[in-house]
PDB file of N, CA and C in Angstrom:
ATOM      1  N   MET A   1       0.852  -1.174   0.000  1.00  0.00           N
ATOM      2  CA  MET A   1       0.000   0.000   0.000  1.00  0.00           C
ATOM      3  C   MET A   1       0.898   1.238   0.000  1.00  0.00           C
ATOM      4  N   ASP A   2       0.605   2.169  -0.861  1.00  0.00           N
ATOM      5  CA  ASP A   2       1.343   3.423  -0.949  1.00  0.00           C
ATOM      6  C   ASP A   2       0.569   4.520  -0.231  1.00  0.00           C
ATOM      7  N   VAL A   3       1.304   5.477   0.322  1.00  0.00           N
ATOM      8  CA  VAL A   3       0.688   6.661   0.911  1.00  0.00           C
ATOM      9  C   VAL A   3       1.055   7.847   0.035  1.00  0.00           C
ATOM     10  N   LEU A   4       0.045   8.530  -0.464  1.00  0.00           N
ATOM     11  CA  LEU A   4       0.243   9.708  -1.299  1.00  0.00           C
ATOM     12  C   LEU A   4      -0.229  10.921  -0.519  1.00  0.00           C
ATOM     13  N   VAL A   5       0.528  12.017  -0.604  1.00  0.00           N
ATOM     14  CA  VAL A   5       0.207  13.230   0.143  1.00  0.00           C
ATOM     15  C   VAL A   5       0.139  14.395  -0.848  1.00  0.00           C
ATOM     16  N   PHE A   6      -0.951  15.172  -0.748  1.00  0.00           N
ATOM     17  CA  PHE A   6      -1.187  16.273  -1.675  1.00  0.00           C
ATOM     18  C   PHE A   6      -1.540  17.553  -0.930  1.00  0.00           C
ATOM     19  N   ALA A   7      -1.093  18.667  -1.473  1.00  0.00           N
ATOM     20  CA  ALA A   7      -1.589  19.980  -1.058  1.00  0.00           C
ATOM     21  C   ALA A   7      -2.808  20.251  -1.929  1.00  0.00           C
ATOM     22  N   THR A   8      -3.868  20.784  -1.330  1.00  0.00           N
ATOM     23  CA  THR A   8      -5.093  21.023  -2.089  1.00  0.00           C
ATOM     24  C   THR A   8      -5.649  22.418  -1.819  1.00  0.00           C
ATOM     25  N   SER A   9      -6.642  22.776  -2.612  1.00  0.00           N
ATOM     26  CA  SER A   9      -7.349  24.039  -2.408  1.00  0.00           C
ATOM     27  C   SER A   9      -8.639  23.833  -1.610  1.00  0.00           C
ATOM     28  N   VAL A  10      -8.861  22.634  -1.095  1.00  0.00           N
ATOM     29  CA  VAL A  10     -10.055  22.340  -0.306  1.00  0.00           C
ATOM     30  C   VAL A  10      -9.951  23.065   1.027  1.00  0.00           C
ATOM     31  N   ARG A  11     -10.973  23.860   1.352  1.00  0.00           N
ATOM     32  CA  ARG A  11     -10.952  24.629   2.596  1.00  0.00           C
ATOM     33  C   ARG A  11     -12.190  24.404   3.455  1.00  0.00           C
ATOM     34  N   GLN A  12     -13.238  23.855   2.854  1.00  0.00           N
ATOM     35  CA  GLN A  12     -14.508  23.713   3.570  1.00  0.00           C
ATOM     36  C   GLN A  12     -15.014  22.279   3.508  1.00  0.00           C
ATOM     37  N   LYS A  13     -15.820  21.920   4.497  1.00  0.00           N
ATOM     38  CA  LYS A  13     -16.342  20.555   4.561  1.00  0.00           C
ATOM     39  C   LYS A  13     -17.216  20.207   3.364  1.00  0.00           C
ATOM     40  N   ARG A  14     -17.909  21.196   2.807  1.00  0.00           N
ATOM     41  CA  ARG A  14     -18.739  20.890   1.630  1.00  0.00           C
ATOM     42  C   ARG A  14     -17.863  20.497   0.435  1.00  0.00           C
ATOM     43  N   GLN A  15     -16.654  21.053   0.376  1.00  0.00           N
ATOM     44  CA  GLN A  15     -15.722  20.651  -0.678  1.00  0.00           C
ATOM     45  C   GLN A  15     -15.224  19.227  -0.429  1.00  0.00           C
ATOM     46  N   VAL A  16     -15.031  18.873   0.834  1.00  0.00           N
ATOM     47  CA  VAL A  16     -14.618  17.508   1.171  1.00  0.00           C
ATOM     48  C   VAL A  16     -15.678  16.525   0.683  1.00  0.00           C
ATOM     49  N   SER A  17     -16.939  16.870   0.846  1.00  0.00           N
ATOM     50  CA  SER A  17     -18.031  16.001   0.378  1.00  0.00           C
ATOM     51  C   SER A  17     -17.974  15.790  -1.129  1.00  0.00           C
ATOM     52  N   ARG A  18     -17.656  16.843  -1.841  1.00  0.00           N
ATOM     53  CA  ARG A  18     -17.542  16.733  -3.305  1.00  0.00           C
ATOM     54  C   ARG A  18     -16.389  15.806  -3.686  1.00  0.00           C
ATOM     55  N   VAL A  19     -15.268  15.940  -2.983  1.00  0.00           N
ATOM     56  CA  VAL A  19     -14.114  15.079  -3.252  1.00  0.00           C
ATOM     57  C   VAL A  19     -14.426  13.637  -2.859  1.00  0.00           C
ATOM     58  N   GLN A  20     -15.170  13.466  -1.776  1.00  0.00           N
ATOM     59  CA  GLN A  20     -15.542  12.121  -1.326  1.00  0.00           C
ATOM     60  C   GLN A  20     -16.251  11.362  -2.442  1.00  0.00           C
ATOM     61  N   ASN A  21     -17.144  12.032  -3.131  1.00  0.00           N
ATOM     62  CA  ASN A  21     -17.866  11.393  -4.232  1.00  0.00           C
ATOM     63  C   ASN A  21     -16.920  10.899  -5.320  1.00  0.00           C
ATOM     64  N   LEU A  22     -15.842  11.606  -5.542  1.00  0.00           N
ATOM     65  CA  LEU A  22     -14.862  11.198  -6.557  1.00  0.00           C
ATOM     66  C   LEU A  22     -13.981  10.049  -6.061  1.00  0.00           C
ATOM     67  N   LEU A  23     -13.465  10.188  -4.844  1.00  0.00           N
ATOM     68  CA  LEU A  23     -12.484   9.226  -4.336  1.00  0.00           C
ATOM     69  C   LEU A  23     -13.088   7.868  -4.007  1.00  0.00           C
ATOM     70  N   THR A  24     -14.316   7.850  -3.551  1.00  0.00           N
ATOM     71  CA  THR A  24     -14.930   6.566  -3.203  1.00  0.00           C
ATOM     72  C   THR A  24     -15.233   5.711  -4.431  1.00  0.00           C
ATOM     73  N   LYS A  25     -15.210   6.309  -5.595  1.00  0.00           N
ATOM     74  CA  LYS A  25     -15.453   5.563  -6.830  1.00  0.00           C
ATOM     75  C   LYS A  25     -14.190   4.897  -7.375  1.00  0.00           C
ATOM     76  N   VAL A  26     -13.043   5.161  -6.750  1.00  0.00           N
ATOM     77  CA  VAL A  26     -11.775   4.601  -7.223  1.00  0.00           C
ATOM     78  C   VAL A  26     -11.441   3.371  -6.380  1.00  0.00           C
ATOM     79  N   PRO A  27     -11.564   2.170  -6.951  1.00  0.00           N
ATOM     80  CA  PRO A  27     -11.382   0.946  -6.171  1.00  0.00           C
ATOM     81  C   PRO A  27      -9.982   0.776  -5.564  1.00  0.00           C
ATOM     82  N   ALA A  28      -8.973   1.383  -6.169  1.00  0.00           N
ATOM     83  CA  ALA A  28      -7.600   1.225  -5.681  1.00  0.00           C
ATOM     84  C   ALA A  28      -7.344   1.996  -4.385  1.00  0.00           C
ATOM     85  N   ILE A  29      -8.244   2.921  -4.030  1.00  0.00           N
ATOM     86  CA  ILE A  29      -8.057   3.733  -2.828  1.00  0.00           C
ATOM     87  C   ILE A  29      -8.661   3.002  -1.634  1.00  0.00           C
ATOM     88  N   ALA A  30      -7.801   2.713  -0.651  1.00  0.00           N
ATOM     89  CA  ALA A  30      -8.256   2.021   0.560  1.00  0.00           C
ATOM     90  C   ALA A  30      -8.791   3.016   1.592  1.00  0.00           C
ATOM     91  N   GLN A  31      -8.062   4.118   1.782  1.00  0.00           N
ATOM     92  CA  GLN A  31      -8.451   5.143   2.748  1.00  0.00           C
ATOM     93  C   GLN A  31      -7.971   6.499   2.264  1.00  0.00           C
ATOM     94  N   TRP A  32      -8.643   7.534   2.754  1.00  0.00           N
ATOM     95  CA  TRP A  32      -8.209   8.899   2.455  1.00  0.00           C
ATOM     96  C   TRP A  32      -8.718   9.800   3.562  1.00  0.00           C
ATOM     97  N   ASN A  33      -8.036  10.935   3.754  1.00  0.00           N
ATOM     98  CA  ASN A  33      -8.501  11.926   4.727  1.00  0.00           C
ATOM     99  C   ASN A  33      -7.877  13.273   4.426  1.00  0.00           C
ATOM    100  N   PHE A  34      -8.532  14.301   4.932  1.00  0.00           N
ATOM    101  CA  PHE A  34      -8.048  15.670   4.802  1.00  0.00           C
ATOM    102  C   PHE A  34      -7.596  16.189   6.149  1.00  0.00           C
ATOM    103  N   ASP A  35      -6.600  17.040   6.129  1.00  0.00           N
ATOM    104  CA  ASP A  35      -6.197  17.821   7.301  1.00  0.00           C
ATOM    105  C   ASP A  35      -6.393  19.282   6.912  1.00  0.00           C
ATOM    106  N   LEU A  36      -7.581  19.810   7.187  1.00  0.00           N
ATOM    107  CA  LEU A  36      -7.902  21.184   6.801  1.00  0.00           C
ATOM    108  C   LEU A  36      -7.295  22.203   7.749  1.00  0.00           C
ATOM    109  N   GLU A  37      -6.698  21.741   8.836  1.00  0.00           N
ATOM    110  CA  GLU A  37      -6.030  22.658   9.758  1.00  0.00           C
ATOM    111  C   GLU A  37      -4.592  22.927   9.333  1.00  0.00           C
ATOM    112  N   ASP A  38      -4.072  22.109   8.435  1.00  0.00           N
ATOM    113  CA  ASP A  38      -2.736  22.318   7.883  1.00  0.00           C
ATOM    114  C   ASP A  38      -2.806  23.451   6.862  1.00  0.00           C
ATOM    115  N   CYS A  39      -1.738  24.229   6.769  1.00  0.00           N
ATOM    116  CA  CYS A  39      -1.736  25.372   5.838  1.00  0.00           C
ATOM    117  C   CYS A  39      -1.878  24.942   4.374  1.00  0.00           C
ATOM    118  N   ASP A  40      -1.527  23.687   4.059  1.00  0.00           N
ATOM    119  CA  ASP A  40      -1.642  23.184   2.687  1.00  0.00           C
ATOM    120  C   ASP A  40      -2.925  22.387   2.449  1.00  0.00           C
ATOM    121  N   ASN A  41      -3.809  22.322   3.456  1.00  0.00           N
ATOM    122  CA  ASN A  41      -5.064  21.556   3.325  1.00  0.00           C
ATOM    123  C   ASN A  41      -4.785  20.170   2.755  1.00  0.00           C
ATOM    124  N   ILE A  42      -4.022  19.416   3.517  1.00  0.00           N
ATOM    125  CA  ILE A  42      -3.455  18.146   3.084  1.00  0.00           C
ATOM    126  C   ILE A  42      -4.514  17.075   2.827  1.00  0.00           C
ATOM    127  N   LEU A  43      -4.333  16.368   1.725  1.00  0.00           N
ATOM    128  CA  LEU A  43      -5.094  15.165   1.417  1.00  0.00           C
ATOM    129  C   LEU A  43      -4.111  14.002   1.457  1.00  0.00           C
ATOM    130  N   ARG A  44      -4.404  13.004   2.304  1.00  0.00           N
ATOM    131  CA  ARG A  44      -3.585  11.790   2.369  1.00  0.00           C
ATOM    132  C   ARG A  44      -4.413  10.633   1.826  1.00  0.00           C
ATOM    133  N   ILE A  45      -3.795   9.855   0.969  1.00  0.00           N
ATOM    134  CA  ILE A  45      -4.485   8.722   0.348  1.00  0.00           C
ATOM    135  C   ILE A  45      -3.629   7.475   0.522  1.00  0.00           C
ATOM    136  N   GLU A  46      -4.264   6.399   0.984  1.00  0.00           N
ATOM    137  CA  GLU A  46      -3.633   5.087   0.996  1.00  0.00           C
ATOM    138  C   GLU A  46      -4.239   4.312  -0.159  1.00  0.00           C
ATOM    139  N   ALA A  47      -3.382   3.873  -1.067  1.00  0.00           N
ATOM    140  CA  ALA A  47      -3.877   3.200  -2.270  1.00  0.00           C
ATOM    141  C   ALA A  47      -2.837   2.226  -2.783  1.00  0.00           C
ATOM    142  N   LYS A  48      -3.293   1.356  -3.636  1.00  0.00           N
ATOM    143  CA  LYS A  48      -2.389   0.394  -4.258  1.00  0.00           C
ATOM    144  C   LYS A  48      -2.358   0.634  -5.758  1.00  0.00           C
ATOM    145  N   ASP A  49      -1.155   0.783  -6.279  1.00  0.00           N
ATOM    146  CA  ASP A  49      -0.953   0.924  -7.726  1.00  0.00           C
ATOM    147  C   ASP A  49      -1.779   2.055  -8.340  1.00  0.00           C
ATOM    148  N   ILE A  50      -1.623   3.246  -7.781  1.00  0.00           N
ATOM    149  CA  ILE A  50      -2.321   4.402  -8.338  1.00  0.00           C
ATOM    150  C   ILE A  50      -1.313   5.541  -8.514  1.00  0.00           C
ATOM    151  N   SER A  51      -1.422   6.234  -9.588  1.00  0.00           N
ATOM    152  CA  SER A  51      -0.498   7.314  -9.908  1.00  0.00           C
ATOM    153  C   SER A  51      -0.918   8.612  -9.219  1.00  0.00           C
ATOM    154  N   PRO A  52       0.034   9.334  -8.649  1.00  0.00           N
ATOM    155  CA  PRO A  52      -0.288  10.650  -8.101  1.00  0.00           C
ATOM    156  C   PRO A  52      -0.884  11.568  -9.173  1.00  0.00           C
ATOM    157  N   ARG A  53      -0.427  11.439 -10.410  1.00  0.00           N
ATOM    158  CA  ARG A  53      -0.952  12.270 -11.503  1.00  0.00           C
ATOM    159  C   ARG A  53      -2.437  11.992 -11.743  1.00  0.00           C
ATOM    160  N   PHE A  54      -2.849  10.737 -11.553  1.00  0.00           N
ATOM    161  CA  PHE A  54      -4.265  10.390 -11.704  1.00  0.00           C
ATOM    162  C   PHE A  54      -5.102  11.145 -10.680  1.00  0.00           C
ATOM    163  N   ILE A  55      -4.659  11.174  -9.437  1.00  0.00           N
ATOM    164  CA  ILE A  55      -5.380  11.877  -8.370  1.00  0.00           C
ATOM    165  C   ILE A  55      -5.419  13.375  -8.666  1.00  0.00           C
ATOM    166  N   GLU A  56      -4.271  13.933  -9.063  1.00  0.00           N
ATOM    167  CA  GLU A  56      -4.225  15.366  -9.388  1.00  0.00           C
ATOM    168  C   GLU A  56      -5.216  15.695 -10.504  1.00  0.00           C
ATOM    169  N   SER A  57      -5.229  14.880 -11.533  1.00  0.00           N
ATOM    170  CA  SER A  57      -6.124  15.106 -12.672  1.00  0.00           C
ATOM    171  C   SER A  57      -7.593  14.961 -12.263  1.00  0.00           C
ATOM    172  N   LEU A  58      -7.888  13.953 -11.472  1.00  0.00           N
ATOM    173  CA  LEU A  58      -9.254  13.705 -11.020  1.00  0.00           C
ATOM    174  C   LEU A  58      -9.805  14.907 -10.257  1.00  0.00           C
ATOM    175  N   LEU A  59      -9.023  15.428  -9.340  1.00  0.00           N
ATOM    176  CA  LEU A  59      -9.484  16.564  -8.549  1.00  0.00           C
ATOM    177  C   LEU A  59      -9.500  17.849  -9.361  1.00  0.00           C
ATOM    178  N   GLN A  60      -8.523  18.028 -10.233  1.00  0.00           N
ATOM    179  CA  GLN A  60      -8.483  19.249 -11.041  1.00  0.00           C
ATOM    180  C   GLN A  60      -9.672  19.323 -11.994  1.00  0.00           C
ATOM    181  N   LYS A  61     -10.146  18.194 -12.485  1.00  0.00           N
ATOM    182  CA  LYS A  61     -11.344  18.180 -13.331  1.00  0.00           C
ATOM    183  C   LYS A  61     -12.567  18.642 -12.543  1.00  0.00           C
ATOM    184  N   ALA A  62     -12.528  18.479 -11.212  1.00  0.00           N
ATOM    185  CA  ALA A  62     -13.629  18.910 -10.349  1.00  0.00           C
ATOM    186  C   ALA A  62     -13.424  20.338  -9.849  1.00  0.00           C
ATOM    187  N   GLY A  63     -12.389  21.004 -10.362  1.00  0.00           N
ATOM    188  CA  GLY A  63     -12.138  22.388  -9.993  1.00  0.00           C
ATOM    189  C   GLY A  63     -11.362  22.563  -8.701  1.00  0.00           C
ATOM    190  N   ILE A  64     -10.651  21.530  -8.288  1.00  0.00           N
ATOM    191  CA  ILE A  64      -9.881  21.580  -7.043  1.00  0.00           C
ATOM    192  C   ILE A  64      -8.404  21.460  -7.373  1.00  0.00           C
ATOM    193  N   HIS A  65      -7.633  22.425  -6.893  1.00  0.00           N
ATOM    194  CA  HIS A  65      -6.183  22.369  -7.083  1.00  0.00           C
ATOM    195  C   HIS A  65      -5.641  21.241  -6.209  1.00  0.00           C
ATOM    196  N   CYS A  66      -4.760  20.439  -6.764  1.00  0.00           N
ATOM    197  CA  CYS A  66      -4.185  19.301  -6.052  1.00  0.00           C
ATOM    198  C   CYS A  66      -2.783  19.073  -6.584  1.00  0.00           C
ATOM    199  N   GLN A  67      -1.796  19.067  -5.672  1.00  0.00           N
ATOM    200  CA  GLN A  67      -0.402  18.886  -6.088  1.00  0.00           C
ATOM    201  C   GLN A  67       0.277  17.962  -5.103  1.00  0.00           C
ATOM    202  N   GLU A  68       0.928  16.919  -5.632  1.00  0.00           N
ATOM    203  CA  GLU A  68       1.624  15.973  -4.770  1.00  0.00           C
ATOM    204  C   GLU A  68       2.747  16.664  -4.006  1.00  0.00           C
ATOM    205  N   LEU A  69       2.885  16.282  -2.738  1.00  0.00           N
ATOM    206  CA  LEU A  69       3.978  16.768  -1.901  1.00  0.00           C
ATOM    207  C   LEU A  69       4.962  15.635  -1.682  1.00  0.00           C
ATOM    208  N   GLU A  70       6.217  15.956  -1.739  1.00  0.00           N
ATOM    209  CA  GLU A  70       7.255  14.979  -1.406  1.00  0.00           C
ATOM    210  C   GLU A  70       7.438  14.981   0.096  1.00  0.00           C
ATOM    211  N   TYR A  71       7.540  13.821   0.671  1.00  0.00           N
ATOM    212  CA  TYR A  71       7.759  13.749   2.119  1.00  0.00           C
ATOM    213  C   TYR A  71       8.849  12.783   2.452  1.00  0.00           C
TER     214      TYR A  71
END
């Protein structure tokens, strides 16, 4: 299982709900969560065999900025 970490433009819980609808449809994602108290509004995803670019593209199509962070 890989852990992917992204900075996002998500700032409100209603935006989290919109992202939830996208992420729950991806079978490779085991778990995900947001840290909206972090200055980068972090999205952490546990997934198997999924590209960070796929996640970035998925969220950007929904109008949400998403950029992988190196950790």
